[in-house]
mmCIF file of all heavy atoms, coordinates in Angstrom:
data_MODEL
# 
_entry.id   MODEL 
# 
loop_
_atom_site.group_PDB 
_atom_site.id 
_atom_site.type_symbol 
_atom_site.label_atom_id 
_atom_site.label_alt_id 
_atom_site.label_comp_id 
_atom_site.label_asym_id 
_atom_site.label_entity_id 
_atom_site.label_seq_id 
_atom_site.pdbx_PDB_ins_code 
_atom_site.Cartn_x 
_atom_site.Cartn_y 
_atom_site.Cartn_z 
_atom_site.occupancy 
_atom_site.B_iso_or_equiv 
_atom_site.pdbx_formal_charge 
_atom_site.auth_seq_id 
_atom_site.auth_comp_id 
_atom_site.auth_asym_id 
_atom_site.auth_atom_id 
_atom_site.pdbx_PDB_model_num 
ATOM 1   N N   . LYS A 1 1  ? -81.004 -11.985 34.981 1.00 0.00 ? 1  LYS A N   1 
ATOM 2   C CA  . LYS A 1 1  ? -80.996 -12.403 36.386 1.00 0.00 ? 1  LYS A CA  1 
ATOM 3   C C   . LYS A 1 1  ? -80.752 -13.913 36.490 1.00 0.00 ? 1  LYS A C   1 
ATOM 4   O O   . LYS A 1 1  ? -80.021 -14.369 37.378 1.00 0.00 ? 1  LYS A O   1 
ATOM 5   C CB  . LYS A 1 1  ? -82.304 -12.005 37.062 1.00 0.00 ? 1  LYS A CB  1 
ATOM 6   C CG  . LYS A 1 1  ? -82.420 -10.507 37.299 1.00 0.00 ? 1  LYS A CG  1 
ATOM 7   C CD  . LYS A 1 1  ? -83.459 -10.168 38.354 1.00 0.00 ? 1  LYS A CD  1 
ATOM 8   C CE  . LYS A 1 1  ? -83.091 -10.653 39.737 1.00 0.00 ? 1  LYS A CE  1 
ATOM 9   N NZ  . LYS A 1 1  ? -84.018 -10.185 40.800 1.00 0.00 ? 1  LYS A NZ  1 
ATOM 10  N N   . GLN A 1 2  ? -81.354 -14.688 35.605 1.00 0.00 ? 2  GLN A N   1 
ATOM 11  C CA  . GLN A 1 2  ? -81.117 -16.131 35.613 1.00 0.00 ? 2  GLN A CA  1 
ATOM 12  C C   . GLN A 1 2  ? -79.663 -16.456 35.356 1.00 0.00 ? 2  GLN A C   1 
ATOM 13  O O   . GLN A 1 2  ? -79.059 -17.342 35.986 1.00 0.00 ? 2  GLN A O   1 
ATOM 14  C CB  . GLN A 1 2  ? -82.009 -16.816 34.586 1.00 0.00 ? 2  GLN A CB  1 
ATOM 15  C CG  . GLN A 1 2  ? -83.486 -16.774 34.939 1.00 0.00 ? 2  GLN A CG  1 
ATOM 16  C CD  . GLN A 1 2  ? -84.372 -17.175 33.772 1.00 0.00 ? 2  GLN A CD  1 
ATOM 17  O OE1 . GLN A 1 2  ? -83.911 -17.774 32.802 1.00 0.00 ? 2  GLN A OE1 1 
ATOM 18  N NE2 . GLN A 1 2  ? -85.660 -16.826 33.856 1.00 0.00 ? 2  GLN A NE2 1 
ATOM 19  N N   . THR A 1 3  ? -79.060 -15.743 34.396 1.00 0.00 ? 3  THR A N   1 
ATOM 20  C CA  . THR A 1 3  ? -77.649 -15.958 34.064 1.00 0.00 ? 3  THR A CA  1 
ATOM 21  C C   . THR A 1 3  ? -76.750 -15.616 35.252 1.00 0.00 ? 3  THR A C   1 
ATOM 22  O O   . THR A 1 3  ? -75.845 -16.380 35.607 1.00 0.00 ? 3  THR A O   1 
ATOM 23  C CB  . THR A 1 3  ? -77.259 -15.114 32.840 1.00 0.00 ? 3  THR A CB  1 
ATOM 24  O OG1 . THR A 1 3  ? -78.021 -15.541 31.714 1.00 0.00 ? 3  THR A OG1 1 
ATOM 25  C CG2 . THR A 1 3  ? -75.774 -15.273 32.535 1.00 0.00 ? 3  THR A CG2 1 
ATOM 26  N N   . LEU A 1 4  ? -76.949 -14.458 35.842 1.00 0.00 ? 4  LEU A N   1 
ATOM 27  C CA  . LEU A 1 4  ? -76.121 -14.030 36.977 1.00 0.00 ? 4  LEU A CA  1 
ATOM 28  C C   . LEU A 1 4  ? -76.263 -15.003 38.154 1.00 0.00 ? 4  LEU A C   1 
ATOM 29  O O   . LEU A 1 4  ? -75.277 -15.319 38.828 1.00 0.00 ? 4  LEU A O   1 
ATOM 30  C CB  . LEU A 1 4  ? -76.488 -12.614 37.388 1.00 0.00 ? 4  LEU A CB  1 
ATOM 31  C CG  . LEU A 1 4  ? -76.139 -11.517 36.374 1.00 0.00 ? 4  LEU A CG  1 
ATOM 32  C CD1 . LEU A 1 4  ? -76.775 -10.193 36.775 1.00 0.00 ? 4  LEU A CD1 1 
ATOM 33  C CD2 . LEU A 1 4  ? -74.642 -11.364 36.250 1.00 0.00 ? 4  LEU A CD2 1 
ATOM 34  N N   . ARG A 1 5  ? -77.480 -15.483 38.389 1.00 0.00 ? 5  ARG A N   1 
ATOM 35  C CA  . ARG A 1 5  ? -77.706 -16.422 39.484 1.00 0.00 ? 5  ARG A CA  1 
ATOM 36  C C   . ARG A 1 5  ? -76.989 -17.757 39.216 1.00 0.00 ? 5  ARG A C   1 
ATOM 37  O O   . ARG A 1 5  ? -76.361 -18.332 40.118 1.00 0.00 ? 5  ARG A O   1 
ATOM 38  C CB  . ARG A 1 5  ? -79.201 -16.644 39.652 1.00 0.00 ? 5  ARG A CB  1 
ATOM 39  C CG  . ARG A 1 5  ? -79.570 -17.480 40.881 1.00 0.00 ? 5  ARG A CG  1 
ATOM 40  C CD  . ARG A 1 5  ? -81.054 -17.398 41.218 1.00 0.00 ? 5  ARG A CD  1 
ATOM 41  N NE  . ARG A 1 5  ? -81.907 -17.878 40.139 1.00 0.00 ? 5  ARG A NE  1 
ATOM 42  C CZ  . ARG A 1 5  ? -82.804 -17.107 39.513 1.00 0.00 ? 5  ARG A CZ  1 
ATOM 43  N NH1 . ARG A 1 5  ? -82.941 -15.832 39.832 1.00 0.00 ? 5  ARG A NH1 1 
ATOM 44  N NH2 . ARG A 1 5  ? -83.545 -17.638 38.561 1.00 0.00 ? 5  ARG A NH2 1 
ATOM 45  N N   . ALA A 1 6  ? -77.078 -18.226 37.973 1.00 0.00 ? 6  ALA A N   1 
ATOM 46  C CA  . ALA A 1 6  ? -76.431 -19.497 37.629 1.00 0.00 ? 6  ALA A CA  1 
ATOM 47  C C   . ALA A 1 6  ? -74.913 -19.368 37.699 1.00 0.00 ? 6  ALA A C   1 
ATOM 48  O O   . ALA A 1 6  ? -74.219 -20.275 38.174 1.00 0.00 ? 6  ALA A O   1 
ATOM 49  C CB  . ALA A 1 6  ? -76.855 -19.935 36.226 1.00 0.00 ? 6  ALA A CB  1 
ATOM 50  N N   . LEU A 1 7  ? -74.387 -18.241 37.251 1.00 0.00 ? 7  LEU A N   1 
ATOM 51  C CA  . LEU A 1 7  ? -72.941 -18.023 37.328 1.00 0.00 ? 7  LEU A CA  1 
ATOM 52  C C   . LEU A 1 7  ? -72.464 -17.976 38.771 1.00 0.00 ? 7  LEU A C   1 
ATOM 53  O O   . LEU A 1 7  ? -71.425 -18.549 39.112 1.00 0.00 ? 7  LEU A O   1 
ATOM 54  C CB  . LEU A 1 7  ? -72.565 -16.722 36.596 1.00 0.00 ? 7  LEU A CB  1 
ATOM 55  C CG  . LEU A 1 7  ? -72.642 -16.736 35.073 1.00 0.00 ? 7  LEU A CG  1 
ATOM 56  C CD1 . LEU A 1 7  ? -72.509 -15.338 34.512 1.00 0.00 ? 7  LEU A CD1 1 
ATOM 57  C CD2 . LEU A 1 7  ? -71.574 -17.654 34.477 1.00 0.00 ? 7  LEU A CD2 1 
ATOM 58  N N   . ALA A 1 8  ? -73.211 -17.301 39.615 1.00 0.00 ? 8  ALA A N   1 
ATOM 59  C CA  . ALA A 1 8  ? -72.822 -17.196 41.033 1.00 0.00 ? 8  ALA A CA  1 
ATOM 60  C C   . ALA A 1 8  ? -72.825 -18.558 41.699 1.00 0.00 ? 8  ALA A C   1 
ATOM 61  O O   . ALA A 1 8  ? -72.011 -18.841 42.569 1.00 0.00 ? 8  ALA A O   1 
ATOM 62  C CB  . ALA A 1 8  ? -73.769 -16.248 41.770 1.00 0.00 ? 8  ALA A CB  1 
ATOM 63  N N   . ALA A 1 9  ? -73.751 -19.430 41.269 1.00 0.00 ? 9  ALA A N   1 
ATOM 64  C CA  . ALA A 1 9  ? -73.861 -20.765 41.862 1.00 0.00 ? 9  ALA A CA  1 
ATOM 65  C C   . ALA A 1 9  ? -72.966 -21.763 41.151 1.00 0.00 ? 9  ALA A C   1 
ATOM 66  O O   . ALA A 1 9  ? -72.830 -22.925 41.614 1.00 0.00 ? 9  ALA A O   1 
ATOM 67  C CB  . ALA A 1 9  ? -75.303 -21.256 41.785 1.00 0.00 ? 9  ALA A CB  1 
ATOM 68  N N   . GLY A 1 10 ? -72.330 -21.381 40.045 1.00 0.00 ? 10 GLY A N   1 
ATOM 69  C CA  . GLY A 1 10 ? -71.523 -22.315 39.267 1.00 0.00 ? 10 GLY A CA  1 
ATOM 70  C C   . GLY A 1 10 ? -72.359 -23.417 38.653 1.00 0.00 ? 10 GLY A C   1 
ATOM 71  O O   . GLY A 1 10 ? -71.867 -24.533 38.429 1.00 0.00 ? 10 GLY A O   1 
ATOM 72  N N   . ASP A 1 11 ? -73.614 -23.123 38.374 1.00 0.00 ? 11 ASP A N   1 
ATOM 73  C CA  . ASP A 1 11 ? -74.550 -24.134 37.845 1.00 0.00 ? 11 ASP A CA  1 
ATOM 74  C C   . ASP A 1 11 ? -74.548 -24.098 36.315 1.00 0.00 ? 11 ASP A C   1 
ATOM 75  O O   . ASP A 1 11 ? -75.403 -23.486 35.679 1.00 0.00 ? 11 ASP A O   1 
ATOM 76  C CB  . ASP A 1 11 ? -75.946 -23.852 38.386 1.00 0.00 ? 11 ASP A CB  1 
ATOM 77  C CG  . ASP A 1 11 ? -76.964 -24.907 37.954 1.00 0.00 ? 11 ASP A CG  1 
ATOM 78  O OD1 . ASP A 1 11 ? -76.544 -25.905 37.345 1.00 0.00 ? 11 ASP A OD1 1 
ATOM 79  O OD2 . ASP A 1 11 ? -78.174 -24.712 38.236 1.00 0.00 ? 11 ASP A OD2 1 
ATOM 80  N N   . MET A 1 12 ? -73.586 -24.769 35.716 1.00 0.00 ? 12 MET A N   1 
ATOM 81  C CA  . MET A 1 12 ? -73.448 -24.742 34.271 1.00 0.00 ? 12 MET A CA  1 
ATOM 82  C C   . MET A 1 12 ? -74.570 -25.494 33.571 1.00 0.00 ? 12 MET A C   1 
ATOM 83  O O   . MET A 1 12 ? -74.749 -25.358 32.352 1.00 0.00 ? 12 MET A O   1 
ATOM 84  C CB  . MET A 1 12 ? -72.097 -25.328 33.856 1.00 0.00 ? 12 MET A CB  1 
ATOM 85  C CG  . MET A 1 12 ? -70.894 -24.616 34.480 1.00 0.00 ? 12 MET A CG  1 
ATOM 86  S SD  . MET A 1 12 ? -70.882 -22.821 34.164 1.00 0.00 ? 12 MET A SD  1 
ATOM 87  C CE  . MET A 1 12 ? -70.676 -22.804 32.386 1.00 0.00 ? 12 MET A CE  1 
ATOM 88  N N   . ALA A 1 13 ? -75.329 -26.309 34.307 1.00 0.00 ? 13 ALA A N   1 
ATOM 89  C CA  . ALA A 1 13 ? -76.436 -27.042 33.692 1.00 0.00 ? 13 ALA A CA  1 
ATOM 90  C C   . ALA A 1 13 ? -77.728 -26.232 33.653 1.00 0.00 ? 13 ALA A C   1 
ATOM 91  O O   . ALA A 1 13 ? -78.699 -26.647 33.026 1.00 0.00 ? 13 ALA A O   1 
ATOM 92  C CB  . ALA A 1 13 ? -76.683 -28.333 34.449 1.00 0.00 ? 13 ALA A CB  1 
ATOM 93  N N   . ALA A 1 14 ? -77.726 -25.062 34.293 1.00 0.00 ? 14 ALA A N   1 
ATOM 94  C CA  . ALA A 1 14 ? -78.914 -24.221 34.274 1.00 0.00 ? 14 ALA A CA  1 
ATOM 95  C C   . ALA A 1 14 ? -79.218 -23.780 32.849 1.00 0.00 ? 14 ALA A C   1 
ATOM 96  O O   . ALA A 1 14 ? -78.295 -23.513 32.061 1.00 0.00 ? 14 ALA A O   1 
ATOM 97  C CB  . ALA A 1 14 ? -78.703 -22.990 35.157 1.00 0.00 ? 14 ALA A CB  1 
ATOM 98  N N   . PRO A 1 15 ? -80.498 -23.725 32.451 1.00 0.00 ? 15 PRO A N   1 
ATOM 99  C CA  . PRO A 1 15 ? -80.843 -23.335 31.082 1.00 0.00 ? 15 PRO A CA  1 
ATOM 100 C C   . PRO A 1 15 ? -80.194 -22.019 30.628 1.00 0.00 ? 15 PRO A C   1 
ATOM 101 O O   . PRO A 1 15 ? -79.834 -21.889 29.461 1.00 0.00 ? 15 PRO A O   1 
ATOM 102 C CB  . PRO A 1 15 ? -82.363 -23.231 31.130 1.00 0.00 ? 15 PRO A CB  1 
ATOM 103 C CG  . PRO A 1 15 ? -82.767 -24.166 32.215 1.00 0.00 ? 15 PRO A CG  1 
ATOM 104 C CD  . PRO A 1 15 ? -81.666 -24.074 33.248 1.00 0.00 ? 15 PRO A CD  1 
ATOM 105 N N   . ALA A 1 16 ? -80.060 -21.084 31.562 1.00 0.00 ? 16 ALA A N   1 
ATOM 106 C CA  . ALA A 1 16 ? -79.468 -19.788 31.181 1.00 0.00 ? 16 ALA A CA  1 
ATOM 107 C C   . ALA A 1 16 ? -78.054 -19.932 30.661 1.00 0.00 ? 16 ALA A C   1 
ATOM 108 O O   . ALA A 1 16 ? -77.585 -19.113 29.852 1.00 0.00 ? 16 ALA A O   1 
ATOM 109 C CB  . ALA A 1 16 ? -79.486 -18.843 32.376 1.00 0.00 ? 16 ALA A CB  1 
ATOM 110 N N   . LEU A 1 17 ? -77.322 -20.981 31.117 1.00 0.00 ? 17 LEU A N   1 
ATOM 111 C CA  . LEU A 1 17 ? -75.950 -21.216 30.677 1.00 0.00 ? 17 LEU A CA  1 
ATOM 112 C C   . LEU A 1 17 ? -75.857 -22.343 29.661 1.00 0.00 ? 17 LEU A C   1 
ATOM 113 O O   . LEU A 1 17 ? -75.025 -22.299 28.759 1.00 0.00 ? 17 LEU A O   1 
ATOM 114 C CB  . LEU A 1 17 ? -75.071 -21.504 31.884 1.00 0.00 ? 17 LEU A CB  1 
ATOM 115 C CG  . LEU A 1 17 ? -74.980 -20.419 32.954 1.00 0.00 ? 17 LEU A CG  1 
ATOM 116 C CD1 . LEU A 1 17 ? -73.966 -20.811 34.028 1.00 0.00 ? 17 LEU A CD1 1 
ATOM 117 C CD2 . LEU A 1 17 ? -74.588 -19.063 32.350 1.00 0.00 ? 17 LEU A CD2 1 
ATOM 118 N N   . SER A 1 18 ? -76.681 -23.359 29.811 1.00 0.00 ? 18 SER A N   1 
ATOM 119 C CA  . SER A 1 18 ? -76.602 -24.477 28.871 1.00 0.00 ? 18 SER A CA  1 
ATOM 120 C C   . SER A 1 18 ? -77.320 -24.209 27.550 1.00 0.00 ? 18 SER A C   1 
ATOM 121 O O   . SER A 1 18 ? -76.996 -24.816 26.517 1.00 0.00 ? 18 SER A O   1 
ATOM 122 C CB  . SER A 1 18 ? -77.212 -25.735 29.511 1.00 0.00 ? 18 SER A CB  1 
ATOM 123 O OG  . SER A 1 18 ? -78.592 -25.561 29.774 1.00 0.00 ? 18 SER A OG  1 
ATOM 124 N N   . GLN A 1 19 ? -78.279 -23.269 27.571 1.00 0.00 ? 19 GLN A N   1 
ATOM 125 C CA  . GLN A 1 19 ? -78.990 -22.893 26.356 1.00 0.00 ? 19 GLN A CA  1 
ATOM 126 C C   . GLN A 1 19 ? -79.070 -21.360 26.275 1.00 0.00 ? 19 GLN A C   1 
ATOM 127 O O   . GLN A 1 19 ? -80.151 -20.774 26.235 1.00 0.00 ? 19 GLN A O   1 
ATOM 128 C CB  . GLN A 1 19 ? -80.391 -23.482 26.331 1.00 0.00 ? 19 GLN A CB  1 
ATOM 129 C CG  . GLN A 1 19 ? -80.433 -24.988 26.496 1.00 0.00 ? 19 GLN A CG  1 
ATOM 130 C CD  . GLN A 1 19 ? -81.842 -25.489 26.690 1.00 0.00 ? 19 GLN A CD  1 
ATOM 131 O OE1 . GLN A 1 19 ? -82.779 -25.071 26.000 1.00 0.00 ? 19 GLN A OE1 1 
ATOM 132 N NE2 . GLN A 1 19 ? -82.021 -26.381 27.651 1.00 0.00 ? 19 GLN A NE2 1 
ATOM 133 N N   . PRO A 1 20 ? -77.928 -20.691 26.233 1.00 0.00 ? 20 PRO A N   1 
ATOM 134 C CA  . PRO A 1 20 ? -77.918 -19.235 26.382 1.00 0.00 ? 20 PRO A CA  1 
ATOM 135 C C   . PRO A 1 20 ? -78.480 -18.446 25.199 1.00 0.00 ? 20 PRO A C   1 
ATOM 136 O O   . PRO A 1 20 ? -78.770 -17.252 25.327 1.00 0.00 ? 20 PRO A O   1 
ATOM 137 C CB  . PRO A 1 20 ? -76.418 -18.922 26.574 1.00 0.00 ? 20 PRO A CB  1 
ATOM 138 C CG  . PRO A 1 20 ? -75.727 -20.021 25.851 1.00 0.00 ? 20 PRO A CG  1 
ATOM 139 C CD  . PRO A 1 20 ? -76.556 -21.249 26.081 1.00 0.00 ? 20 PRO A CD  1 
ATOM 140 N N   . TYR A 1 21 ? -78.689 -19.105 24.071 1.00 0.00 ? 21 TYR A N   1 
ATOM 141 C CA  . TYR A 1 21 ? -79.182 -18.378 22.885 1.00 0.00 ? 21 TYR A CA  1 
ATOM 142 C C   . TYR A 1 21 ? -80.562 -18.816 22.466 1.00 0.00 ? 21 TYR A C   1 
ATOM 143 O O   . TYR A 1 21 ? -80.990 -18.566 21.320 1.00 0.00 ? 21 TYR A O   1 
ATOM 144 C CB  . TYR A 1 21 ? -78.175 -18.538 21.750 1.00 0.00 ? 21 TYR A CB  1 
ATOM 145 C CG  . TYR A 1 21 ? -76.767 -18.160 22.176 1.00 0.00 ? 21 TYR A CG  1 
ATOM 146 C CD1 . TYR A 1 21 ? -75.772 -19.141 22.274 1.00 0.00 ? 21 TYR A CD1 1 
ATOM 147 C CD2 . TYR A 1 21 ? -76.453 -16.872 22.568 1.00 0.00 ? 21 TYR A CD2 1 
ATOM 148 C CE1 . TYR A 1 21 ? -74.497 -18.811 22.712 1.00 0.00 ? 21 TYR A CE1 1 
ATOM 149 C CE2 . TYR A 1 21 ? -75.184 -16.525 23.017 1.00 0.00 ? 21 TYR A CE2 1 
ATOM 150 C CZ  . TYR A 1 21 ? -74.207 -17.514 23.073 1.00 0.00 ? 21 TYR A CZ  1 
ATOM 151 O OH  . TYR A 1 21 ? -72.958 -17.187 23.532 1.00 0.00 ? 21 TYR A OH  1 
ATOM 152 N N   . ALA A 1 22 ? -81.289 -19.440 23.354 1.00 0.00 ? 22 ALA A N   1 
ATOM 153 C CA  . ALA A 1 22 ? -82.637 -19.953 23.039 1.00 0.00 ? 22 ALA A CA  1 
ATOM 154 C C   . ALA A 1 22 ? -83.612 -18.808 22.733 1.00 0.00 ? 22 ALA A C   1 
ATOM 155 O O   . ALA A 1 22 ? -84.645 -19.032 22.126 1.00 0.00 ? 22 ALA A O   1 
ATOM 156 C CB  . ALA A 1 22 ? -83.156 -20.806 24.188 1.00 0.00 ? 22 ALA A CB  1 
ATOM 157 N N   . TYR A 1 23 ? -83.278 -17.604 23.157 1.00 0.00 ? 23 TYR A N   1 
ATOM 158 C CA  . TYR A 1 23 ? -84.147 -16.457 22.938 1.00 0.00 ? 23 TYR A CA  1 
ATOM 159 C C   . TYR A 1 23 ? -84.086 -15.907 21.513 1.00 0.00 ? 23 TYR A C   1 
ATOM 160 O O   . TYR A 1 23 ? -84.847 -14.994 21.144 1.00 0.00 ? 23 TYR A O   1 
ATOM 161 C CB  . TYR A 1 23 ? -83.771 -15.317 23.887 1.00 0.00 ? 23 TYR A CB  1 
ATOM 162 C CG  . TYR A 1 23 ? -82.435 -14.697 23.569 1.00 0.00 ? 23 TYR A CG  1 
ATOM 163 C CD1 . TYR A 1 23 ? -82.329 -13.650 22.655 1.00 0.00 ? 23 TYR A CD1 1 
ATOM 164 C CD2 . TYR A 1 23 ? -81.269 -15.175 24.155 1.00 0.00 ? 23 TYR A CD2 1 
ATOM 165 C CE1 . TYR A 1 23 ? -81.086 -13.102 22.343 1.00 0.00 ? 23 TYR A CE1 1 
ATOM 166 C CE2 . TYR A 1 23 ? -80.022 -14.638 23.832 1.00 0.00 ? 23 TYR A CE2 1 
ATOM 167 C CZ  . TYR A 1 23 ? -79.935 -13.601 22.936 1.00 0.00 ? 23 TYR A CZ  1 
ATOM 168 O OH  . TYR A 1 23 ? -78.728 -13.070 22.608 1.00 0.00 ? 23 TYR A OH  1 
ATOM 169 N N   . ALA A 1 24 ? -83.223 -16.444 20.660 1.00 0.00 ? 24 ALA A N   1 
ATOM 170 C CA  . ALA A 1 24 ? -82.892 -15.845 19.364 1.00 0.00 ? 24 ALA A CA  1 
ATOM 171 C C   . ALA A 1 24 ? -84.100 -15.466 18.533 1.00 0.00 ? 24 ALA A C   1 
ATOM 172 O O   . ALA A 1 24 ? -84.166 -14.362 17.945 1.00 0.00 ? 24 ALA A O   1 
ATOM 173 C CB  . ALA A 1 24 ? -81.988 -16.775 18.570 1.00 0.00 ? 24 ALA A CB  1 
# 
């Protein structure tokens, strides 16, 4: 949900997009 929200807003600085693999 965080990723989809950031993509819709074009917010490339959001953690979901700037650190997409932090869950590893």
